[in-house]
C-alpha atoms as a PDB file:
ATOM      1  CA  UNK A   1      23.780  58.667 -36.360  1.00  0.00           C
ATOM      2  CA  UNK A   2      26.283  56.495 -38.298  1.00  0.00           C
ATOM      3  CA  UNK A   3      27.348  57.331 -41.819  1.00  0.00           C
ATOM      4  CA  UNK A   4      27.237  54.844 -44.683  1.00  0.00           C
ATOM      5  CA  UNK A   5      30.975  54.090 -44.567  1.00  0.00           C
ATOM      6  CA  UNK A   6      30.822  53.032 -40.925  1.00  0.00           C
ATOM      7  CA  UNK A   7      27.853  50.741 -41.622  1.00  0.00           C
ATOM      8  CA  UNK A   8      29.634  49.217 -44.645  1.00  0.00           C
ATOM      9  CA  UNK A   9      32.796  48.678 -42.609  1.00  0.00           C
ATOM     10  CA  UNK A  10      30.937  47.035 -39.745  1.00  0.00           C
ATOM     11  CA  UNK A  11      29.013  44.813 -42.183  1.00  0.00           C
ATOM     12  CA  UNK A  12      32.276  43.640 -43.750  1.00  0.00           C
ATOM     13  CA  UNK A  13      33.806  43.078 -40.317  1.00  0.00           C
ATOM     14  CA  UNK A  14      30.766  41.038 -39.296  1.00  0.00           C
ATOM     15  CA  UNK A  15      31.028  39.011 -42.495  1.00  0.00           C
ATOM     16  CA  UNK A  16      34.657  38.236 -41.738  1.00  0.00           C
ATOM     17  CA  UNK A  17      33.804  37.165 -38.216  1.00  0.00           C
ATOM     18  CA  UNK A  18      30.967  35.004 -39.549  1.00  0.00           C
ATOM     19  CA  UNK A  19      33.398  33.205 -41.839  1.00  0.00           C
ATOM     20  CA  UNK A  20      35.496  32.156 -38.858  1.00  0.00           C
ATOM     21  CA  UNK A  21      32.674  29.678 -38.305  1.00  0.00           C
ATOM     22  CA  UNK A  22      34.055  27.818 -41.318  1.00  0.00           C
ATOM     23  CA  UNK A  23      36.834  26.432 -39.131  1.00  0.00           C
ATOM     24  CA  UNK A  24      34.460  24.286 -37.094  1.00  0.00           C
ATOM     25  CA  UNK A  25      33.040  22.233 -39.967  1.00  0.00           C
ATOM     26  CA  UNK A  26      36.505  21.709 -41.432  1.00  0.00           C
ATOM     27  CA  UNK A  27      37.861  20.355 -38.172  1.00  0.00           C
ATOM     28  CA  UNK A  28      34.730  18.275 -37.581  1.00  0.00           C
ATOM     29  CA  UNK A  29      34.830  16.739 -41.034  1.00  0.00           C
ATOM     30  CA  UNK A  30      38.494  15.879 -40.647  1.00  0.00           C
ATOM     31  CA  UNK A  31      37.855  14.160 -37.347  1.00  0.00           C
ATOM     32  CA  UNK A  32      34.845  12.298 -38.781  1.00  0.00           C
ATOM     33  CA  UNK A  33      36.845  11.085 -41.780  1.00  0.00           C
ATOM     34  CA  UNK A  34      39.735   9.930 -39.607  1.00  0.00           C
ATOM     35  CA  UNK A  35      37.451   8.073 -37.219  1.00  0.00           C
ATOM     36  CA  UNK A  36      35.579   6.536 -40.161  1.00  0.00           C
ATOM     37  CA  UNK A  37      38.835   5.307 -41.681  1.00  0.00           C
ATOM     38  CA  UNK A  38      39.881   3.970 -38.291  1.00  0.00           C
ATOM     39  CA  UNK A  39      36.556   2.167 -37.884  1.00  0.00           C
ATOM     40  CA  UNK A  40      36.790   0.580 -41.333  1.00  0.00           C
ATOM     41  CA  UNK A  41      40.346  -0.561 -40.657  1.00  0.00           C
ATOM     42  CA  UNK A  42      39.218  -2.216 -37.429  1.00  0.00           C
ATOM     43  CA  UNK A  43      36.091  -3.826 -38.904  1.00  0.00           C
ATOM     44  CA  UNK A  44      36.087  -4.010 -42.724  1.00  0.00           C
ATOM     45  CA  UNK A  45      32.767  -5.890 -42.782  1.00  0.00           C
ATOM     46  CA  UNK A  46      30.929  -2.833 -41.416  1.00  0.00           C
ATOM     47  CA  UNK A  47      32.385  -0.418 -43.966  1.00  0.00           C
ATOM     48  CA  UNK A  48      29.083   0.382 -45.692  1.00  0.00           C
ATOM     49  CA  UNK A  49      27.337   1.196 -42.417  1.00  0.00           C
ATOM     50  CA  UNK A  50      30.291   3.270 -41.177  1.00  0.00           C
ATOM     51  CA  UNK A  51      30.448   5.129 -44.486  1.00  0.00           C
ATOM     52  CA  UNK A  52      26.746   6.010 -44.478  1.00  0.00           C
ATOM     53  CA  UNK A  53      26.870   7.298 -40.895  1.00  0.00           C
ATOM     54  CA  UNK A  54      30.049   9.247 -41.648  1.00  0.00           C
ATOM     55  CA  UNK A  55      28.542  10.905 -44.741  1.00  0.00           C
ATOM     56  CA  UNK A  56      25.450  11.906 -42.749  1.00  0.00           C
ATOM     57  CA  UNK A  57      27.620  13.405 -40.007  1.00  0.00           C
ATOM     58  CA  UNK A  58      29.768  15.306 -42.490  1.00  0.00           C
ATOM     59  CA  UNK A  59      26.653  16.684 -44.205  1.00  0.00           C
ATOM     60  CA  UNK A  60      25.300  17.913 -40.881  1.00  0.00           C
ATOM     61  CA  UNK A  61      28.645  19.512 -40.014  1.00  0.00           C
ATOM     62  CA  UNK A  62      28.774  21.244 -43.384  1.00  0.00           C
ATOM     63  CA  UNK A  63      25.466  23.041 -42.793  1.00  0.00           C
ATOM     64  CA  UNK A  64      27.162  25.206 -40.167  1.00  0.00           C
ATOM     65  CA  UNK A  65      29.671  26.452 -42.705  1.00  0.00           C
ATOM     66  CA  UNK A  66      26.957  27.055 -45.291  1.00  0.00           C
ATOM     67  CA  UNK A  67      24.888  29.065 -42.799  1.00  0.00           C
ATOM     68  CA  UNK A  68      27.942  31.189 -41.984  1.00  0.00           C
ATOM     69  CA  UNK A  69      28.559  31.794 -45.690  1.00  0.00           C
ATOM     70  CA  UNK A  70      24.937  32.847 -46.238  1.00  0.00           C
ATOM     71  CA  UNK A  71      25.082  35.260 -43.299  1.00  0.00           C
ATOM     72  CA  UNK A  72      28.368  36.723 -44.576  1.00  0.00           C
ATOM     73  CA  UNK A  73      26.926  37.233 -48.068  1.00  0.00           C
ATOM     74  CA  UNK A  74      23.799  38.852 -46.619  1.00  0.00           C
ATOM     75  CA  UNK A  75      25.893  41.197 -44.486  1.00  0.00           C
ATOM     76  CA  UNK A  76      28.021  42.271 -47.418  1.00  0.00           C
ATOM     77  CA  UNK A  77      25.327  42.725 -50.059  1.00  0.00           C
ATOM     78  CA  UNK A  78      22.282  43.771 -48.021  1.00  0.00           C
ATOM     79  CA  UNK A  79      23.867  46.043 -45.418  1.00  0.00           C
ATOM     80  CA  UNK A  80      26.852  47.021 -47.544  1.00  0.00           C
END
């Protein structure tokens, strides 16, 4: 029904759309870092606890971007 060029084009388009999901983790990590710095400036004694919670939150936010990258790579190399 569809030729190979159409399938390749749609796979590349889908990969590009999947990479838009990389914006979310970048924004989330920036907000987390700013709030962490704000929290440390308000209460320097709690800096180690704030830092550990911030690193955990950033790691969880980064998984979204990694999943999007994996899906984009699969779309390009498996369907393409």
